[in-house]
Amino acid sequence: MRERVRLLWPRRGEMAHRIQQLSNKQEAVALWIWEPYIPAQGLTVLEGPWSVGKTFLALAMAARVSMERSVLLLTDRADWGCIVRPRLDAMTANVRNIWCVDTSAVEPIAWRSLGALIREKQAGMVIVDTVENFANTLATRAALERMGELAAECDRAFLAVTALPKGTGPAHSVLSLRCEGDRRVMTHRRSSVGPTGPAQAFTIADGGRMEWAK
């Protein structure tokens, strides 16, 4: 015998705090780190195979933001001196505005602690490179979902770098990077905050400089 489903309606006044007439809600104005690719509030996922140049592009974004705001860079401590600092120097970043957080520790940083750190440093952007390193025992999709929540809570831009494009969570924007000869080509795969932008290509010049290709 089929079980009867009971519909439980809320009591009078129980839903009042959840309801608002749409005419009273103003349209949100989108702000950007890089229009239309990286919104200033929300989660952006940068995906692509290993060694395609994702870290290089993420550091270029860090260098740009560091001119005006602080940046939190969550990455492996082993890369700070040999990869991160030389590349940021080549990109003329304001390294005094960039704070590195080690993701190689056995105990991963707590989400609550990360939120407190974002507020303390008044970070305009949080870069996680890579999600796989940061997630540790947490599934990549679950980690992306939590980043999306934290981006909304803190009203900040998150850029999550991943080599596993399956399931990008609640990303506002999804960027995909691939190699075409000496060029790296970034395509804008998806956006929930506006139309997708055209593909962008760049090369890595001598000295670790980024040069946009035509």
C-alpha atoms as a PDB file:
ATOM      1  CA  MET A   1       0.000   0.000   0.000  1.00  0.00           C
ATOM      2  CA  ARG A   2       1.396   3.372  -1.032  1.00  0.00           C
ATOM      3  CA  GLU A   3       2.365   5.625   1.871  1.00  0.00           C
ATOM      4  CA  ARG A   4       0.306   8.796   2.082  1.00  0.00           C
ATOM      5  CA  VAL A   5       2.346  12.025   1.892  1.00  0.00           C
ATOM      6  CA  ARG A   6       1.384  14.769   4.328  1.00  0.00           C
ATOM      7  CA  LEU A   7       1.848  18.397   3.258  1.00  0.00           C
ATOM      8  CA  LEU A   8       2.881  20.535   6.231  1.00  0.00           C
ATOM      9  CA  TRP A   9       1.973  24.165   5.577  1.00  0.00           C
ATOM     10  CA  PRO A  10       3.705  26.881   7.640  1.00  0.00           C
ATOM     11  CA  ARG A  11       1.676  28.529  10.386  1.00  0.00           C
ATOM     12  CA  ARG A  12       0.450  32.096   9.960  1.00  0.00           C
ATOM     13  CA  GLY A  13       3.375  34.537  10.077  1.00  0.00           C
ATOM     14  CA  GLU A  14       6.003  31.770   9.982  1.00  0.00           C
ATOM     15  CA  MET A  15       7.228  32.700   6.470  1.00  0.00           C
ATOM     16  CA  ALA A  16       6.981  36.486   6.828  1.00  0.00           C
ATOM     17  CA  HIS A  17      10.721  36.995   7.390  1.00  0.00           C
ATOM     18  CA  ARG A  18      11.522  35.070   4.169  1.00  0.00           C
ATOM     19  CA  ILE A  19       9.227  37.002   1.851  1.00  0.00           C
ATOM     20  CA  GLN A  20       9.816  40.367   0.184  1.00  0.00           C
ATOM     21  CA  GLN A  21       7.950  41.983  -2.676  1.00  0.00           C
ATOM     22  CA  LEU A  22      10.287  41.963  -5.681  1.00  0.00           C
ATOM     23  CA  SER A  23       9.546  45.620  -6.508  1.00  0.00           C
ATOM     24  CA  ASN A  24      11.259  46.530  -3.204  1.00  0.00           C
ATOM     25  CA  LYS A  25      14.462  44.755  -4.176  1.00  0.00           C
ATOM     26  CA  GLN A  26      16.980  46.817  -6.148  1.00  0.00           C
ATOM     27  CA  GLU A  27      19.007  45.191  -8.895  1.00  0.00           C
ATOM     28  CA  ALA A  28      22.537  44.374  -7.738  1.00  0.00           C
ATOM     29  CA  VAL A  29      25.348  46.166  -9.586  1.00  0.00           C
ATOM     30  CA  ALA A  30      28.109  43.761 -10.658  1.00  0.00           C
ATOM     31  CA  LEU A  31      31.634  44.774  -9.659  1.00  0.00           C
ATOM     32  CA  TRP A  32      34.679  43.216 -11.242  1.00  0.00           C
ATOM     33  CA  ILE A  33      38.286  42.207 -10.693  1.00  0.00           C
ATOM     34  CA  TRP A  34      38.475  41.567 -14.445  1.00  0.00           C
ATOM     35  CA  GLU A  35      35.298  42.222 -16.429  1.00  0.00           C
ATOM     36  CA  PRO A  36      33.535  39.997 -17.434  1.00  0.00           C
ATOM     37  CA  TYR A  37      35.736  37.126 -16.307  1.00  0.00           C
ATOM     38  CA  ILE A  38      36.259  37.524 -12.541  1.00  0.00           C
ATOM     39  CA  PRO A  39      33.539  39.191 -10.448  1.00  0.00           C
ATOM     40  CA  ALA A  40      34.655  41.102  -7.345  1.00  0.00           C
ATOM     41  CA  GLN A  41      32.155  39.190  -5.212  1.00  0.00           C
ATOM     42  CA  GLY A  42      31.764  35.452  -5.632  1.00  0.00           C
ATOM     43  CA  LEU A  43      33.583  32.344  -6.761  1.00  0.00           C
ATOM     44  CA  THR A  44      35.496  31.989 -10.031  1.00  0.00           C
ATOM     45  CA  VAL A  45      36.945  28.614 -11.030  1.00  0.00           C
ATOM     46  CA  LEU A  46      40.061  28.437 -13.222  1.00  0.00           C
ATOM     47  CA  GLU A  47      40.381  24.917 -14.628  1.00  0.00           C
ATOM     48  CA  GLY A  48      42.856  23.210 -16.912  1.00  0.00           C
ATOM     49  CA  PRO A  49      45.389  20.347 -17.149  1.00  0.00           C
ATOM     50  CA  TRP A  50      48.487  20.273 -14.980  1.00  0.00           C
ATOM     51  CA  SER A  51      51.373  22.534 -16.147  1.00  0.00           C
ATOM     52  CA  VAL A  52      49.211  24.538 -18.565  1.00  0.00           C
ATOM     53  CA  GLY A  53      49.882  27.887 -16.830  1.00  0.00           C
ATOM     54  CA  LYS A  54      47.006  28.203 -14.351  1.00  0.00           C
ATOM     55  CA  THR A  55      49.278  29.333 -11.507  1.00  0.00           C
ATOM     56  CA  PHE A  56      50.896  31.911 -13.796  1.00  0.00           C
ATOM     57  CA  LEU A  57      47.506  33.403 -14.697  1.00  0.00           C
ATOM     58  CA  ALA A  58      46.344  33.336 -11.062  1.00  0.00           C
ATOM     59  CA  LEU A  59      49.488  35.194  -9.974  1.00  0.00           C
ATOM     60  CA  ALA A  60      48.928  37.762 -12.724  1.00  0.00           C
ATOM     61  CA  MET A  61      45.504  38.447 -11.164  1.00  0.00           C
ATOM     62  CA  ALA A  62      47.124  38.663  -7.719  1.00  0.00           C
ATOM     63  CA  ALA A  63      49.644  41.188  -9.048  1.00  0.00           C
ATOM     64  CA  ARG A  64      46.879  43.331 -10.538  1.00  0.00           C
ATOM     65  CA  VAL A  65      44.755  43.360  -7.370  1.00  0.00           C
ATOM     66  CA  SER A  66      47.791  43.982  -5.130  1.00  0.00           C
ATOM     67  CA  MET A  67      48.169  47.469  -6.587  1.00  0.00           C
ATOM     68  CA  GLU A  68      45.081  48.565  -4.603  1.00  0.00           C
ATOM     69  CA  ARG A  69      44.001  45.758  -2.237  1.00  0.00           C
ATOM     70  CA  SER A  70      45.376  42.910  -0.160  1.00  0.00           C
ATOM     71  CA  VAL A  71      45.422  39.393  -1.600  1.00  0.00           C
ATOM     72  CA  LEU A  72      45.364  36.083   0.274  1.00  0.00           C
ATOM     73  CA  LEU A  73      47.233  33.360  -1.614  1.00  0.00           C
ATOM     74  CA  LEU A  74      46.604  29.830  -0.370  1.00  0.00           C
ATOM     75  CA  THR A  75      49.301  27.601  -1.794  1.00  0.00           C
ATOM     76  CA  ASP A  76      52.063  25.148  -0.878  1.00  0.00           C
ATOM     77  CA  ARG A  77      54.799  26.753   1.252  1.00  0.00           C
ATOM     78  CA  ALA A  78      57.459  24.966  -0.829  1.00  0.00           C
ATOM     79  CA  ASP A  79      56.518  27.153  -3.819  1.00  0.00           C
ATOM     80  CA  TRP A  80      56.726  30.538  -2.080  1.00  0.00           C
ATOM     81  CA  GLY A  81      60.418  31.245  -2.688  1.00  0.00           C
ATOM     82  CA  CYS A  82      61.084  29.392  -5.944  1.00  0.00           C
ATOM     83  CA  ILE A  83      57.879  30.091  -7.887  1.00  0.00           C
ATOM     84  CA  VAL A  84      55.530  32.573  -6.254  1.00  0.00           C
ATOM     85  CA  ARG A  85      57.899  35.416  -5.274  1.00  0.00           C
ATOM     86  CA  PRO A  86      59.990  35.435  -8.507  1.00  0.00           C
ATOM     87  CA  ARG A  87      56.888  35.476 -10.704  1.00  0.00           C
ATOM     88  CA  LEU A  88      55.188  38.223  -8.679  1.00  0.00           C
ATOM     89  CA  ASP A  89      58.377  40.316  -8.818  1.00  0.00           C
ATOM     90  CA  ALA A  90      58.504  39.869 -12.613  1.00  0.00           C
ATOM     91  CA  MET A  91      54.882  41.068 -12.748  1.00  0.00           C
ATOM     92  CA  THR A  92      55.787  44.124 -10.584  1.00  0.00           C
ATOM     93  CA  ALA A  93      53.275  43.119  -7.908  1.00  0.00           C
ATOM     94  CA  ASN A  94      53.044  45.025  -4.637  1.00  0.00           C
ATOM     95  CA  VAL A  95      54.202  42.066  -2.531  1.00  0.00           C
ATOM     96  CA  ARG A  96      53.558  43.988   0.685  1.00  0.00           C
ATOM     97  CA  ASN A  97      49.854  43.485  -0.088  1.00  0.00           C
ATOM     98  CA  ILE A  98      50.113  39.733  -0.690  1.00  0.00           C
ATOM     99  CA  TRP A  99      49.756  37.277   2.186  1.00  0.00           C
ATOM    100  CA  CYS A 100      50.647  33.609   1.666  1.00  0.00           C
ATOM    101  CA  VAL A 101      48.823  30.872   3.577  1.00  0.00           C
ATOM    102  CA  ASP A 102      50.407  27.408   3.650  1.00  0.00           C
ATOM    103  CA  THR A 103      48.173  24.585   2.389  1.00  0.00           C
ATOM    104  CA  SER A 104      50.792  21.840   2.775  1.00  0.00           C
ATOM    105  CA  ALA A 105      50.266  21.418   6.533  1.00  0.00           C
ATOM    106  CA  VAL A 106      48.853  18.148   7.833  1.00  0.00           C
ATOM    107  CA  GLU A 107      46.022  20.029   9.535  1.00  0.00           C
ATOM    108  CA  PRO A 108      44.135  22.131   6.932  1.00  0.00           C
ATOM    109  CA  ILE A 109      43.193  25.699   7.848  1.00  0.00           C
ATOM    110  CA  ALA A 110      39.717  25.894   9.357  1.00  0.00           C
ATOM    111  CA  TRP A 111      37.048  27.668   7.329  1.00  0.00           C
ATOM    112  CA  ARG A 112      36.223  29.900  10.294  1.00  0.00           C
ATOM    113  CA  SER A 113      39.883  30.895  10.612  1.00  0.00           C
ATOM    114  CA  LEU A 114      40.054  31.667   6.898  1.00  0.00           C
ATOM    115  CA  GLY A 115      37.008  33.940   7.156  1.00  0.00           C
ATOM    116  CA  ALA A 116      38.599  35.771  10.095  1.00  0.00           C
ATOM    117  CA  LEU A 117      41.862  36.155   8.145  1.00  0.00           C
ATOM    118  CA  ILE A 118      40.035  37.604   5.123  1.00  0.00           C
ATOM    119  CA  ARG A 119      38.458  40.257   7.354  1.00  0.00           C
ATOM    120  CA  GLU A 120      41.664  40.957   9.291  1.00  0.00           C
ATOM    121  CA  LYS A 121      43.748  41.579   6.147  1.00  0.00           C
ATOM    122  CA  GLN A 122      40.793  43.254   4.356  1.00  0.00           C
ATOM    123  CA  ALA A 123      41.581  41.052   1.368  1.00  0.00           C
ATOM    124  CA  GLY A 124      40.042  42.054  -1.928  1.00  0.00           C
ATOM    125  CA  MET A 125      40.755  38.644  -3.419  1.00  0.00           C
ATOM    126  CA  VAL A 126      41.432  35.095  -2.194  1.00  0.00           C
ATOM    127  CA  ILE A 127      43.307  32.725  -4.509  1.00  0.00           C
ATOM    128  CA  VAL A 128      43.329  28.984  -3.777  1.00  0.00           C
ATOM    129  CA  ASP A 129      46.005  27.159  -5.798  1.00  0.00           C
ATOM    130  CA  THR A 130      45.151  24.372  -5.982  1.00  0.00           C
ATOM    131  CA  VAL A 131      41.751  23.285  -4.695  1.00  0.00           C
ATOM    132  CA  GLU A 132      43.067  19.707  -4.564  1.00  0.00           C
ATOM    133  CA  ASN A 133      45.877  20.760  -2.176  1.00  0.00           C
ATOM    134  CA  PHE A 134      43.597  22.876  -0.036  1.00  0.00           C
ATOM    135  CA  ALA A 135      40.707  20.402   0.132  1.00  0.00           C
ATOM    136  CA  ASN A 136      42.911  17.675   1.633  1.00  0.00           C
ATOM    137  CA  THR A 137      40.391  15.014   2.673  1.00  0.00           C
ATOM    138  CA  LEU A 138      37.415  17.111   1.539  1.00  0.00           C
ATOM    139  CA  ALA A 139      35.990  16.354  -1.912  1.00  0.00           C
ATOM    140  CA  THR A 140      36.811  19.027  -4.496  1.00  0.00           C
ATOM    141  CA  ARG A 141      33.163  19.861  -5.171  1.00  0.00           C
ATOM    142  CA  ALA A 142      32.413  20.150  -1.449  1.00  0.00           C
ATOM    143  CA  ALA A 143      35.412  22.475  -1.045  1.00  0.00           C
ATOM    144  CA  LEU A 144      34.212  24.647  -3.936  1.00  0.00           C
ATOM    145  CA  GLU A 145      30.749  24.855  -2.415  1.00  0.00           C
ATOM    146  CA  ARG A 146      32.219  26.019   0.892  1.00  0.00           C
ATOM    147  CA  MET A 147      34.371  28.601  -0.929  1.00  0.00           C
ATOM    148  CA  GLY A 148      31.265  29.918  -2.654  1.00  0.00           C
ATOM    149  CA  GLU A 149      29.538  30.269   0.717  1.00  0.00           C
ATOM    150  CA  LEU A 150      32.561  32.014   2.239  1.00  0.00           C
ATOM    151  CA  ALA A 151      32.843  34.370  -0.739  1.00  0.00           C
ATOM    152  CA  ALA A 152      29.210  35.374  -0.166  1.00  0.00           C
ATOM    153  CA  GLU A 153      29.656  35.711   3.606  1.00  0.00           C
ATOM    154  CA  CYS A 154      32.754  37.907   3.259  1.00  0.00           C
ATOM    155  CA  ASP A 155      31.612  39.682   0.055  1.00  0.00           C
ATOM    156  CA  ARG A 156      34.948  38.923  -1.613  1.00  0.00           C
ATOM    157  CA  ALA A 157      36.328  37.440  -4.826  1.00  0.00           C
ATOM    158  CA  PHE A 158      37.563  33.845  -4.682  1.00  0.00           C
ATOM    159  CA  LEU A 159      39.665  32.393  -7.514  1.00  0.00           C
ATOM    160  CA  ALA A 160      39.880  28.598  -7.215  1.00  0.00           C
ATOM    161  CA  VAL A 161      42.491  26.843  -9.370  1.00  0.00           C
ATOM    162  CA  THR A 162      41.791  23.201 -10.200  1.00  0.00           C
ATOM    163  CA  ALA A 163      42.923  20.452 -12.550  1.00  0.00           C
ATOM    164  CA  LEU A 164      39.690  18.546 -12.005  1.00  0.00           C
ATOM    165  CA  PRO A 165      36.944  20.290 -13.993  1.00  0.00           C
ATOM    166  CA  LYS A 166      34.215  17.786 -13.065  1.00  0.00           C
ATOM    167  CA  GLY A 167      31.693  19.740 -11.025  1.00  0.00           C
ATOM    168  CA  THR A 168      32.568  23.391 -10.481  1.00  0.00           C
ATOM    169  CA  GLY A 169      30.180  23.912  -7.578  1.00  0.00           C
ATOM    170  CA  PRO A 170      28.370  27.240  -7.169  1.00  0.00           C
ATOM    171  CA  ALA A 171      30.858  29.153  -9.335  1.00  0.00           C
ATOM    172  CA  HIS A 172      29.731  32.530 -10.676  1.00  0.00           C
ATOM    173  CA  SER A 173      32.298  32.240 -13.469  1.00  0.00           C
ATOM    174  CA  VAL A 174      34.236  29.317 -14.960  1.00  0.00           C
ATOM    175  CA  LEU A 175      37.454  29.879 -16.931  1.00  0.00           C
ATOM    176  CA  SER A 176      39.238  27.128 -18.844  1.00  0.00           C
ATOM    177  CA  LEU A 177      42.918  27.265 -19.837  1.00  0.00           C
ATOM    178  CA  ARG A 178      44.659  25.253 -22.553  1.00  0.00           C
ATOM    179  CA  CYS A 179      47.888  25.342 -24.567  1.00  0.00           C
ATOM    180  CA  GLU A 180      48.060  26.088 -28.289  1.00  0.00           C
ATOM    181  CA  GLY A 181      51.742  25.905 -29.177  1.00  0.00           C
ATOM    182  CA  ASP A 182      53.521  28.668 -27.247  1.00  0.00           C
ATOM    183  CA  ARG A 183      50.241  30.399 -26.460  1.00  0.00           C
ATOM    184  CA  ARG A 184      47.936  29.822 -23.518  1.00  0.00           C
ATOM    185  CA  VAL A 185      44.293  30.306 -24.422  1.00  0.00           C
ATOM    186  CA  MET A 186      41.687  31.098 -21.773  1.00  0.00           C
ATOM    187  CA  THR A 187      38.042  30.544 -22.646  1.00  0.00           C
ATOM    188  CA  HIS A 188      35.093  31.800 -20.602  1.00  0.00           C
ATOM    189  CA  ARG A 189      33.022  28.658 -20.235  1.00  0.00           C
ATOM    190  CA  ARG A 190      30.216  29.900 -18.030  1.00  0.00           C
ATOM    191  CA  SER A 191      28.962  32.994 -16.189  1.00  0.00           C
ATOM    192  CA  SER A 192      25.955  33.605 -13.955  1.00  0.00           C
ATOM    193  CA  VAL A 193      26.578  37.352 -13.593  1.00  0.00           C
ATOM    194  CA  GLY A 194      26.500  38.415 -17.240  1.00  0.00           C
ATOM    195  CA  PRO A 195      27.440  37.348 -20.755  1.00  0.00           C
ATOM    196  CA  THR A 196      30.625  35.339 -21.220  1.00  0.00           C
ATOM    197  CA  GLY A 197      33.643  37.160 -22.590  1.00  0.00           C
ATOM    198  CA  PRO A 198      35.725  36.370 -25.666  1.00  0.00           C
ATOM    199  CA  ALA A 199      38.695  34.009 -25.447  1.00  0.00           C
ATOM    200  CA  GLN A 200      41.959  35.588 -24.301  1.00  0.00           C
ATOM    201  CA  ALA A 201      45.462  34.373 -25.231  1.00  0.00           C
ATOM    202  CA  PHE A 202      48.832  35.131 -23.688  1.00  0.00           C
ATOM    203  CA  THR A 203      52.438  33.985 -23.811  1.00  0.00           C
ATOM    204  CA  ILE A 204      55.020  33.748 -21.053  1.00  0.00           C
ATOM    205  CA  ALA A 205      57.939  35.918 -22.136  1.00  0.00           C
ATOM    206  CA  ASP A 206      61.561  35.882 -20.977  1.00  0.00           C
ATOM    207  CA  GLY A 207      61.906  36.837 -17.342  1.00  0.00           C
ATOM    208  CA  GLY A 208      58.460  35.494 -16.479  1.00  0.00           C
ATOM    209  CA  ARG A 209      56.491  38.392 -17.930  1.00  0.00           C
ATOM    210  CA  MET A 210      52.980  37.960 -19.304  1.00  0.00           C
ATOM    211  CA  GLU A 211      52.352  39.230 -22.836  1.00  0.00           C
ATOM    212  CA  TRP A 212      48.840  39.239 -24.242  1.00  0.00           C
ATOM    213  CA  ALA A 213      48.643  37.678 -27.703  1.00  0.00           C
ATOM    214  CA  LYS A 214      46.474  38.946 -30.554  1.00  0.00           C
END
